Amino acid sequence: MKFMHKWLYAVAVVTVSLFSVSHANAETKGILQQVIDRGAVRIAIIGGAAPWSSISPSGDPQGYEIEIAKSFASALGVKPVFVTTSIPGRSAMLQSGKADMVIAQYTNTAERAKTITFTRPYMTIGMQFLVLADRKDINSVQDLDKMHAKIAATRGGYTQTLVPRLLPNASILNFDNIKDEILAVDAGQADATSENQIWNRDLMTKNPGKYKVIPGLHSHEELSIAVPKGDFDWWQLVNDWVEQFNASGDNNRMFKQAFGYDKPE
């Protein structure tokens, strides 16, 4: 970890120095220079998705992605400033200049990459369908499609792309967050929800016997840090840090601390 801190700080100093020389008369500063000047990096998170990220009773952010953000800020020698957003609002935080990066279960897709830029992934996940355990009529993806199932989904999430392709006869019920998705399944308003295997495992562990997962992983998604489009120096710095973060073992350690088991490969 100390090596990562020294390495990133050295890269940042060189990058800022080169930027300052080559852009001495520029009216606008790059994101890295702005972060260094203010002594803080603004990180957009989703605050209601424990153990990924949540807000403690005392008002402090906590969770796996919070620790990732803190580790990056520490390596750069600045303070992390957390800005809470929603799943649909993640891109807007970058486009509006309200955040320098987003660490919020953000899947790197070609469509999203048109307006923002992603680093290499810090996590790879797959989507599963989750239903109530007593739904004896649902045992496969084919069952969901044949019954014209209602699938609970979060606005702006990857389910919006996955479901129409996999279940052409199903319909999507949109909600603002994952908790409301689950409540819809509990109430019978939705037949299933589509979330990643890590989220589903956590939910089933906390509610033994209440839910079941339909067999199969139906996507390969890379969760990445998102940054504003057009600032190559900032992207390169963050991207290189993620590479070091993955290789150092810190990622695996933080995941296990938050979830209680080893990070899936």
C-alpha atoms as a PDB file:
ATOM      1  CA  MET A   1       0.000   0.000   0.000  1.00  0.00           C
ATOM      2  CA  LYS A   2       2.804   2.454   0.868  1.00  0.00           C
ATOM      3  CA  PHE A   3       4.417   1.709  -2.497  1.00  0.00           C
ATOM      4  CA  MET A   4       1.145   2.521  -4.248  1.00  0.00           C
ATOM      5  CA  HIS A   5       0.900   5.825  -2.399  1.00  0.00           C
ATOM      6  CA  LYS A   6       4.445   6.860  -3.353  1.00  0.00           C
ATOM      7  CA  TRP A   7       4.012   5.681  -6.937  1.00  0.00           C
ATOM      8  CA  LEU A   8       0.742   7.508  -7.506  1.00  0.00           C
ATOM      9  CA  TYR A   9       1.972  10.666  -5.829  1.00  0.00           C
ATOM     10  CA  ALA A  10       5.060  10.675  -8.055  1.00  0.00           C
ATOM     11  CA  VAL A  11       2.953  10.145 -11.185  1.00  0.00           C
ATOM     12  CA  ALA A  12       0.603  12.932 -10.108  1.00  0.00           C
ATOM     13  CA  VAL A  13       3.448  15.373  -9.507  1.00  0.00           C
ATOM     14  CA  VAL A  14       4.961  14.675 -12.910  1.00  0.00           C
ATOM     15  CA  THR A  15       1.586  14.903 -14.632  1.00  0.00           C
ATOM     16  CA  VAL A  16       0.662  18.169 -12.927  1.00  0.00           C
ATOM     17  CA  SER A  17       4.096  19.637 -13.703  1.00  0.00           C
ATOM     18  CA  LEU A  18       3.854  18.754 -17.383  1.00  0.00           C
ATOM     19  CA  PHE A  19       0.310  20.080 -17.502  1.00  0.00           C
ATOM     20  CA  SER A  20       1.350  23.349 -15.891  1.00  0.00           C
ATOM     21  CA  VAL A  21       4.212  23.867 -18.354  1.00  0.00           C
ATOM     22  CA  SER A  22       2.240  23.028 -21.465  1.00  0.00           C
ATOM     23  CA  HIS A  23      -0.929  24.812 -20.392  1.00  0.00           C
ATOM     24  CA  ALA A  24       0.434  27.817 -18.558  1.00  0.00           C
ATOM     25  CA  ASN A  25      -1.843  30.176 -20.384  1.00  0.00           C
ATOM     26  CA  ALA A  26      -4.897  27.962 -20.547  1.00  0.00           C
ATOM     27  CA  GLU A  27      -8.118  29.302 -19.091  1.00  0.00           C
ATOM     28  CA  THR A  28      -9.210  25.967 -17.639  1.00  0.00           C
ATOM     29  CA  LYS A  29      -7.307  23.450 -15.556  1.00  0.00           C
ATOM     30  CA  GLY A  30      -7.434  19.694 -15.927  1.00  0.00           C
ATOM     31  CA  ILE A  31      -9.226  17.660 -13.287  1.00  0.00           C
ATOM     32  CA  LEU A  32      -6.014  16.455 -11.654  1.00  0.00           C
ATOM     33  CA  GLN A  33      -4.777  20.023 -11.175  1.00  0.00           C
ATOM     34  CA  GLN A  34      -8.176  21.032  -9.750  1.00  0.00           C
ATOM     35  CA  VAL A  35      -8.088  18.106  -7.315  1.00  0.00           C
ATOM     36  CA  ILE A  36      -4.570  18.981  -6.173  1.00  0.00           C
ATOM     37  CA  ASP A  37      -5.471  22.662  -5.792  1.00  0.00           C
ATOM     38  CA  ARG A  38      -8.536  22.020  -3.651  1.00  0.00           C
ATOM     39  CA  GLY A  39      -6.895  19.164  -1.749  1.00  0.00           C
ATOM     40  CA  ALA A  40      -9.905  16.951  -2.251  1.00  0.00           C
ATOM     41  CA  VAL A  41     -11.351  14.574  -4.830  1.00  0.00           C
ATOM     42  CA  ARG A  42     -15.136  14.545  -5.266  1.00  0.00           C
ATOM     43  CA  ILE A  43     -16.485  11.017  -5.550  1.00  0.00           C
ATOM     44  CA  ALA A  44     -20.085  10.208  -6.468  1.00  0.00           C
ATOM     45  CA  ILE A  45     -21.492   7.166  -4.663  1.00  0.00           C
ATOM     46  CA  ILE A  46     -24.809   5.412  -4.119  1.00  0.00           C
ATOM     47  CA  GLY A  47     -25.389   5.688  -0.403  1.00  0.00           C
ATOM     48  CA  GLY A  48     -28.127   3.097   0.067  1.00  0.00           C
ATOM     49  CA  ALA A  49     -26.558  -0.107  -1.228  1.00  0.00           C
ATOM     50  CA  ALA A  50     -24.817  -1.839   1.686  1.00  0.00           C
ATOM     51  CA  PRO A  51     -22.329  -3.442   1.810  1.00  0.00           C
ATOM     52  CA  TRP A  52     -21.239  -1.746  -1.417  1.00  0.00           C
ATOM     53  CA  SER A  53     -21.850   1.700   0.004  1.00  0.00           C
ATOM     54  CA  SER A  54     -24.164   3.105   2.641  1.00  0.00           C
ATOM     55  CA  ILE A  55     -24.473   5.913   5.149  1.00  0.00           C
ATOM     56  CA  SER A  56     -23.967   5.059   8.828  1.00  0.00           C
ATOM     57  CA  PRO A  57     -26.287   6.369  11.571  1.00  0.00           C
ATOM     58  CA  SER A  58     -23.680   9.031  12.292  1.00  0.00           C
ATOM     59  CA  GLY A  59     -23.786  10.157   8.659  1.00  0.00           C
ATOM     60  CA  ASP A  60     -20.466   8.675   7.528  1.00  0.00           C
ATOM     61  CA  PRO A  61     -20.191   6.765   4.226  1.00  0.00           C
ATOM     62  CA  GLN A  62     -19.136   3.144   4.650  1.00  0.00           C
ATOM     63  CA  GLY A  63     -18.730  -0.005   2.568  1.00  0.00           C
ATOM     64  CA  TYR A  64     -16.578  -1.675  -0.061  1.00  0.00           C
ATOM     65  CA  GLU A  65     -16.691   1.100  -2.654  1.00  0.00           C
ATOM     66  CA  ILE A  66     -16.162   3.724   0.036  1.00  0.00           C
ATOM     67  CA  GLU A  67     -12.919   2.016   1.014  1.00  0.00           C
ATOM     68  CA  ILE A  68     -11.853   1.967  -2.639  1.00  0.00           C
ATOM     69  CA  ALA A  69     -12.478   5.711  -2.832  1.00  0.00           C
ATOM     70  CA  LYS A  70     -10.602   6.398   0.403  1.00  0.00           C
ATOM     71  CA  SER A  71      -7.655   4.337  -0.789  1.00  0.00           C
ATOM     72  CA  PHE A  72      -7.407   6.299  -4.033  1.00  0.00           C
ATOM     73  CA  ALA A  73      -7.652   9.664  -2.249  1.00  0.00           C
ATOM     74  CA  SER A  74      -4.994   8.593   0.252  1.00  0.00           C
ATOM     75  CA  ALA A  75      -2.675   7.492  -2.547  1.00  0.00           C
ATOM     76  CA  LEU A  76      -3.082  10.884  -4.217  1.00  0.00           C
ATOM     77  CA  GLY A  77      -2.572  12.723  -0.928  1.00  0.00           C
ATOM     78  CA  VAL A  78      -5.976  14.451  -0.881  1.00  0.00           C
ATOM     79  CA  LYS A  79      -9.224  14.117   1.061  1.00  0.00           C
ATOM     80  CA  PRO A  80     -12.217  12.181  -0.298  1.00  0.00           C
ATOM     81  CA  VAL A  81     -15.428  14.198  -0.538  1.00  0.00           C
ATOM     82  CA  PHE A  82     -18.459  11.975  -1.089  1.00  0.00           C
ATOM     83  CA  VAL A  83     -21.456  13.099  -3.117  1.00  0.00           C
ATOM     84  CA  THR A  84     -24.522  10.863  -3.017  1.00  0.00           C
ATOM     85  CA  THR A  85     -26.376  10.195  -6.249  1.00  0.00           C
ATOM     86  CA  SER A  86     -28.911   7.756  -7.683  1.00  0.00           C
ATOM     87  CA  ILE A  87     -28.314   5.017 -10.228  1.00  0.00           C
ATOM     88  CA  PRO A  88     -29.886   7.066 -13.061  1.00  0.00           C
ATOM     89  CA  GLY A  89     -27.952  10.166 -11.986  1.00  0.00           C
ATOM     90  CA  ARG A  90     -24.431   8.744 -12.108  1.00  0.00           C
ATOM     91  CA  SER A  91     -23.453  10.042 -15.549  1.00  0.00           C
ATOM     92  CA  ALA A  92     -24.957  13.454 -14.877  1.00  0.00           C
ATOM     93  CA  MET A  93     -22.667  13.909 -11.870  1.00  0.00           C
ATOM     94  CA  LEU A  94     -19.680  13.783 -14.198  1.00  0.00           C
ATOM     95  CA  GLN A  95     -21.202  15.699 -17.089  1.00  0.00           C
ATOM     96  CA  SER A  96     -22.297  18.535 -14.817  1.00  0.00           C
ATOM     97  CA  GLY A  97     -18.892  18.783 -13.120  1.00  0.00           C
ATOM     98  CA  LYS A  98     -20.294  17.916  -9.687  1.00  0.00           C
ATOM     99  CA  ALA A  99     -17.969  14.913  -9.286  1.00  0.00           C
ATOM    100  CA  ASP A 100     -14.462  14.033 -10.410  1.00  0.00           C
ATOM    101  CA  MET A 101     -15.233  10.312 -10.501  1.00  0.00           C
ATOM    102  CA  VAL A 102     -18.029   7.839  -9.859  1.00  0.00           C
ATOM    103  CA  ILE A 103     -17.523   4.642  -7.852  1.00  0.00           C
ATOM    104  CA  ALA A 104     -21.019   3.186  -7.755  1.00  0.00           C
ATOM    105  CA  GLN A 105     -21.440  -0.321  -9.190  1.00  0.00           C
ATOM    106  CA  TYR A 106     -21.077   1.200 -12.640  1.00  0.00           C
ATOM    107  CA  THR A 107     -20.997  -1.260 -15.538  1.00  0.00           C
ATOM    108  CA  ASN A 108     -18.796  -0.291 -18.468  1.00  0.00           C
ATOM    109  CA  THR A 109     -20.977  -0.392 -21.597  1.00  0.00           C
ATOM    110  CA  ALA A 110     -20.480   0.911 -25.117  1.00  0.00           C
ATOM    111  CA  GLU A 111     -23.537   3.150 -24.825  1.00  0.00           C
ATOM    112  CA  ARG A 112     -22.353   4.792 -21.609  1.00  0.00           C
ATOM    113  CA  ALA A 113     -18.838   5.186 -23.009  1.00  0.00           C
ATOM    114  CA  LYS A 114     -20.227   7.624 -25.571  1.00  0.00           C
ATOM    115  CA  THR A 115     -20.527  10.298 -22.885  1.00  0.00           C
ATOM    116  CA  ILE A 116     -18.182   9.251 -20.048  1.00  0.00           C
ATOM    117  CA  THR A 117     -14.944   7.267 -19.734  1.00  0.00           C
ATOM    118  CA  PHE A 118     -14.315   4.099 -17.736  1.00  0.00           C
ATOM    119  CA  THR A 119     -11.166   2.672 -16.196  1.00  0.00           C
ATOM    120  CA  ARG A 120     -10.193  -0.973 -16.189  1.00  0.00           C
ATOM    121  CA  PRO A 121     -12.566  -2.931 -13.884  1.00  0.00           C
ATOM    122  CA  TYR A 122     -12.163  -3.464 -10.163  1.00  0.00           C
ATOM    123  CA  MET A 123     -14.891  -6.125 -10.164  1.00  0.00           C
ATOM    124  CA  THR A 124     -16.590  -8.484 -12.640  1.00  0.00           C
ATOM    125  CA  ILE A 125     -20.162  -9.563 -11.993  1.00  0.00           C
ATOM    126  CA  GLY A 126     -22.980 -11.497 -13.671  1.00  0.00           C
ATOM    127  CA  MET A 127     -26.729 -10.957 -13.547  1.00  0.00           C
ATOM    128  CA  GLN A 128     -29.177 -13.450 -12.075  1.00  0.00           C
ATOM    129  CA  PHE A 129     -32.945 -13.506 -11.690  1.00  0.00           C
ATOM    130  CA  LEU A 130     -34.191 -13.703  -8.120  1.00  0.00           C
ATOM    131  CA  VAL A 131     -37.729 -14.748  -7.105  1.00  0.00           C
ATOM    132  CA  LEU A 132     -39.564 -15.710  -3.933  1.00  0.00           C
ATOM    133  CA  ALA A 133     -38.677 -19.234  -2.837  1.00  0.00           C
ATOM    134  CA  ASP A 134     -42.313 -20.347  -2.841  1.00  0.00           C
ATOM    135  CA  ARG A 135     -42.770 -19.556  -6.542  1.00  0.00           C
ATOM    136  CA  LYS A 136     -42.919 -23.179  -7.691  1.00  0.00           C
ATOM    137  CA  ASP A 137     -43.977 -22.025 -11.154  1.00  0.00           C
ATOM    138  CA  ILE A 138     -40.658 -20.276 -11.802  1.00  0.00           C
ATOM    139  CA  ASN A 139     -37.596 -22.487 -12.183  1.00  0.00           C
ATOM    140  CA  SER A 140     -35.946 -21.234 -15.359  1.00  0.00           C
ATOM    141  CA  VAL A 141     -35.520 -18.210 -17.575  1.00  0.00           C
ATOM    142  CA  GLN A 142     -37.906 -19.882 -20.005  1.00  0.00           C
ATOM    143  CA  ASP A 143     -40.592 -19.939 -17.309  1.00  0.00           C
ATOM    144  CA  LEU A 144     -40.220 -16.184 -16.820  1.00  0.00           C
ATOM    145  CA  ASP A 145     -40.525 -15.527 -20.540  1.00  0.00           C
ATOM    146  CA  LYS A 146     -43.501 -17.834 -21.107  1.00  0.00           C
ATOM    147  CA  MET A 147     -45.486 -16.268 -18.266  1.00  0.00           C
ATOM    148  CA  HIS A 148     -44.788 -12.716 -19.548  1.00  0.00           C
ATOM    149  CA  ALA A 149     -43.164 -11.987 -16.206  1.00  0.00           C
ATOM    150  CA  LYS A 150     -42.871  -8.569 -14.637  1.00  0.00           C
ATOM    151  CA  ILE A 151     -39.237  -7.854 -13.812  1.00  0.00           C
ATOM    152  CA  ALA A 152     -38.415  -5.233 -11.179  1.00  0.00           C
ATOM    153  CA  ALA A 153     -35.493  -3.035 -12.215  1.00  0.00           C
ATOM    154  CA  THR A 154     -33.689   0.122 -11.180  1.00  0.00           C
ATOM    155  CA  ARG A 155     -33.886   3.029 -13.588  1.00  0.00           C
ATOM    156  CA  GLY A 156     -30.602   3.436 -15.425  1.00  0.00           C
ATOM    157  CA  GLY A 157     -29.338  -0.039 -14.523  1.00  0.00           C
ATOM    158  CA  TYR A 158     -28.102  -2.764 -16.849  1.00  0.00           C
ATOM    159  CA  THR A 159     -31.371  -4.701 -16.481  1.00  0.00           C
ATOM    160  CA  GLN A 160     -32.865  -2.220 -18.949  1.00  0.00           C
ATOM    161  CA  THR A 161     -30.628  -3.752 -21.621  1.00  0.00           C
ATOM    162  CA  LEU A 162     -30.540  -7.352 -20.405  1.00  0.00           C
ATOM    163  CA  VAL A 163     -34.255  -8.125 -20.006  1.00  0.00           C
ATOM    164  CA  PRO A 164     -35.516  -7.200 -23.493  1.00  0.00           C
ATOM    165  CA  ARG A 165     -32.752  -9.305 -25.053  1.00  0.00           C
ATOM    166  CA  LEU A 166     -33.178 -12.326 -22.789  1.00  0.00           C
ATOM    167  CA  LEU A 167     -36.909 -12.175 -22.061  1.00  0.00           C
ATOM    168  CA  PRO A 168     -38.698 -10.652 -25.066  1.00  0.00           C
ATOM    169  CA  ASN A 169     -42.124 -11.386 -23.585  1.00  0.00           C
ATOM    170  CA  ALA A 170     -41.407  -9.889 -20.162  1.00  0.00           C
ATOM    171  CA  SER A 171     -42.088  -6.343 -19.039  1.00  0.00           C
ATOM    172  CA  ILE A 172     -39.982  -4.091 -16.818  1.00  0.00           C
ATOM    173  CA  LEU A 173     -41.237  -2.288 -13.717  1.00  0.00           C
ATOM    174  CA  ASN A 174     -38.904   0.609 -12.957  1.00  0.00           C
ATOM    175  CA  PHE A 175     -37.943   1.734  -9.459  1.00  0.00           C
ATOM    176  CA  ASP A 176     -35.566   4.307  -8.022  1.00  0.00           C
ATOM    177  CA  ASN A 177     -33.435   1.841  -6.037  1.00  0.00           C
ATOM    178  CA  ILE A 178     -32.787  -1.832  -5.392  1.00  0.00           C
ATOM    179  CA  LYS A 179     -34.651  -1.862  -2.084  1.00  0.00           C
ATOM    180  CA  ASP A 180     -37.858  -0.903  -3.864  1.00  0.00           C
ATOM    181  CA  GLU A 181     -37.237  -3.675  -6.402  1.00  0.00           C
ATOM    182  CA  ILE A 182     -37.163  -6.250  -3.608  1.00  0.00           C
ATOM    183  CA  LEU A 183     -40.268  -4.799  -1.967  1.00  0.00           C
ATOM    184  CA  ALA A 184     -42.092  -5.183  -5.289  1.00  0.00           C
ATOM    185  CA  VAL A 185     -41.128  -8.871  -5.434  1.00  0.00           C
ATOM    186  CA  ASP A 186     -42.155  -9.350  -1.795  1.00  0.00           C
ATOM    187  CA  ALA A 187     -45.566  -7.787  -2.454  1.00  0.00           C
ATOM    188  CA  GLY A 188     -46.222  -9.784  -5.613  1.00  0.00           C
ATOM    189  CA  GLN A 189     -46.144  -6.651  -7.741  1.00  0.00           C
ATOM    190  CA  ALA A 190     -43.181  -8.108  -9.656  1.00  0.00           C
ATOM    191  CA  ASP A 191     -42.395 -11.745 -10.417  1.00  0.00           C
ATOM    192  CA  ALA A 192     -38.625 -11.350 -10.251  1.00  0.00           C
ATOM    193  CA  THR A 193     -35.769  -8.946 -10.014  1.00  0.00           C
ATOM    194  CA  SER A 194     -32.485  -9.001 -11.908  1.00  0.00           C
ATOM    195  CA  GLU A 195     -29.370  -8.172  -9.910  1.00  0.00           C
ATOM    196  CA  ASN A 196     -25.789  -9.379  -9.720  1.00  0.00           C
ATOM    197  CA  GLN A 197     -24.760 -12.566  -7.943  1.00  0.00           C
ATOM    198  CA  ILE A 198     -23.042 -10.677  -5.132  1.00  0.00           C
ATOM    199  CA  TRP A 199     -26.119  -8.632  -4.275  1.00  0.00           C
ATOM    200  CA  ASN A 200     -28.332 -11.736  -4.464  1.00  0.00           C
ATOM    201  CA  ARG A 201     -26.020 -13.773  -2.240  1.00  0.00           C
ATOM    202  CA  ASP A 202     -26.044 -11.054   0.398  1.00  0.00           C
ATOM    203  CA  LEU A 203     -29.842 -10.759   0.291  1.00  0.00           C
ATOM    204  CA  MET A 204     -30.360 -14.508   0.577  1.00  0.00           C
ATOM    205  CA  THR A 205     -27.886 -14.771   3.455  1.00  0.00           C
ATOM    206  CA  LYS A 206     -29.801 -12.119   5.367  1.00  0.00           C
ATOM    207  CA  ASN A 207     -33.166 -13.728   4.551  1.00  0.00           C
ATOM    208  CA  PRO A 208     -32.655 -17.530   4.657  1.00  0.00           C
ATOM    209  CA  GLY A 209     -35.350 -19.513   2.868  1.00  0.00           C
ATOM    210  CA  LYS A 210     -37.203 -16.463   1.537  1.00  0.00           C
ATOM    211  CA  TYR A 211     -35.730 -16.206  -1.967  1.00  0.00           C
ATOM    212  CA  LYS A 212     -34.230 -18.394  -4.650  1.00  0.00           C
ATOM    213  CA  VAL A 213     -32.053 -17.645  -7.667  1.00  0.00           C
ATOM    214  CA  ILE A 214     -32.901 -18.962 -11.108  1.00  0.00           C
ATOM    215  CA  PRO A 215     -29.868 -20.942 -12.355  1.00  0.00           C
ATOM    216  CA  GLY A 216     -27.428 -19.201 -14.658  1.00  0.00           C
ATOM    217  CA  LEU A 217     -25.378 -16.018 -14.976  1.00  0.00           C
ATOM    218  CA  HIS A 218     -26.792 -13.988 -17.841  1.00  0.00           C
ATOM    219  CA  SER A 219     -24.195 -11.291 -18.331  1.00  0.00           C
ATOM    220  CA  HIS A 220     -20.516 -10.496 -17.969  1.00  0.00           C
ATOM    221  CA  GLU A 221     -20.235  -6.997 -16.533  1.00  0.00           C
ATOM    222  CA  GLU A 222     -17.152  -5.048 -15.608  1.00  0.00           C
ATOM    223  CA  LEU A 223     -17.636  -2.606 -12.751  1.00  0.00           C
ATOM    224  CA  SER A 224     -15.315   0.323 -13.283  1.00  0.00           C
ATOM    225  CA  ILE A 225     -14.558   3.786 -12.016  1.00  0.00           C
ATOM    226  CA  ALA A 226     -16.119   6.392 -14.299  1.00  0.00           C
ATOM    227  CA  VAL A 227     -14.531   9.774 -15.015  1.00  0.00           C
ATOM    228  CA  PRO A 228     -15.511  12.719 -17.233  1.00  0.00           C
ATOM    229  CA  LYS A 229     -14.844  12.279 -20.918  1.00  0.00           C
ATOM    230  CA  GLY A 230     -12.063  14.238 -22.554  1.00  0.00           C
ATOM    231  CA  ASP A 231      -9.447  14.475 -19.794  1.00  0.00           C
ATOM    232  CA  PHE A 232      -6.872  11.841 -20.757  1.00  0.00           C
ATOM    233  CA  ASP A 233      -4.378  12.677 -17.994  1.00  0.00           C
ATOM    234  CA  TRP A 234      -6.987  12.197 -15.275  1.00  0.00           C
ATOM    235  CA  TRP A 235      -8.272   8.976 -16.804  1.00  0.00           C
ATOM    236  CA  GLN A 236      -4.751   7.590 -17.187  1.00  0.00           C
ATOM    237  CA  LEU A 237      -3.873   8.345 -13.574  1.00  0.00           C
ATOM    238  CA  VAL A 238      -7.033   6.698 -12.214  1.00  0.00           C
ATOM    239  CA  ASN A 239      -6.768   3.773 -14.614  1.00  0.00           C
ATOM    240  CA  ASP A 240      -3.154   3.080 -13.625  1.00  0.00           C
ATOM    241  CA  TRP A 241      -4.101   3.272  -9.960  1.00  0.00           C
ATOM    242  CA  VAL A 242      -6.840   0.654 -10.454  1.00  0.00           C
ATOM    243  CA  GLU A 243      -4.304  -1.660 -12.070  1.00  0.00           C
ATOM    244  CA  GLN A 244      -2.004  -1.324  -9.053  1.00  0.00           C
ATOM    245  CA  PHE A 245      -4.947  -1.640  -6.652  1.00  0.00           C
ATOM    246  CA  ASN A 246      -5.998  -4.950  -8.215  1.00  0.00           C
ATOM    247  CA  ALA A 247      -2.454  -6.340  -8.370  1.00  0.00           C
ATOM    248  CA  SER A 248      -1.514  -5.390  -4.798  1.00  0.00           C
ATOM    249  CA  GLY A 249      -4.163  -7.536  -3.129  1.00  0.00           C
ATOM    250  CA  ASP A 250      -5.828  -4.502  -1.527  1.00  0.00           C
ATOM    251  CA  ASN A 251      -8.947  -4.994  -3.638  1.00  0.00           C
ATOM    252  CA  ASN A 252      -9.394  -8.592  -2.466  1.00  0.00           C
ATOM    253  CA  ARG A 253      -8.778  -7.576   1.143  1.00  0.00           C
ATOM    254  CA  MET A 254     -11.330  -4.748   1.083  1.00  0.00           C
ATOM    255  CA  PHE A 255     -13.945  -6.914  -0.600  1.00  0.00           C
ATOM    256  CA  LYS A 256     -13.585  -9.690   1.975  1.00  0.00           C
ATOM    257  CA  GLN A 257     -13.764  -7.190   4.818  1.00  0.00           C
ATOM    258  CA  ALA A 258     -17.052  -5.819   3.466  1.00  0.00           C
ATOM    259  CA  PHE A 259     -18.735  -9.019   2.264  1.00  0.00           C
ATOM    260  CA  GLY A 260     -17.207 -11.709   4.429  1.00  0.00           C
ATOM    261  CA  TYR A 261     -15.900 -13.931   1.637  1.00  0.00           C
ATOM    262  CA  ASP A 262     -13.288 -13.860  -1.126  1.00  0.00           C
ATOM    263  CA  LYS A 263     -13.875 -11.653  -4.136  1.00  0.00           C
ATOM    264  CA  PRO A 264     -15.104 -13.651  -7.162  1.00  0.00           C
ATOM    265  CA  GLU A 265     -12.682 -13.821 -10.059  1.00  0.00           C
END
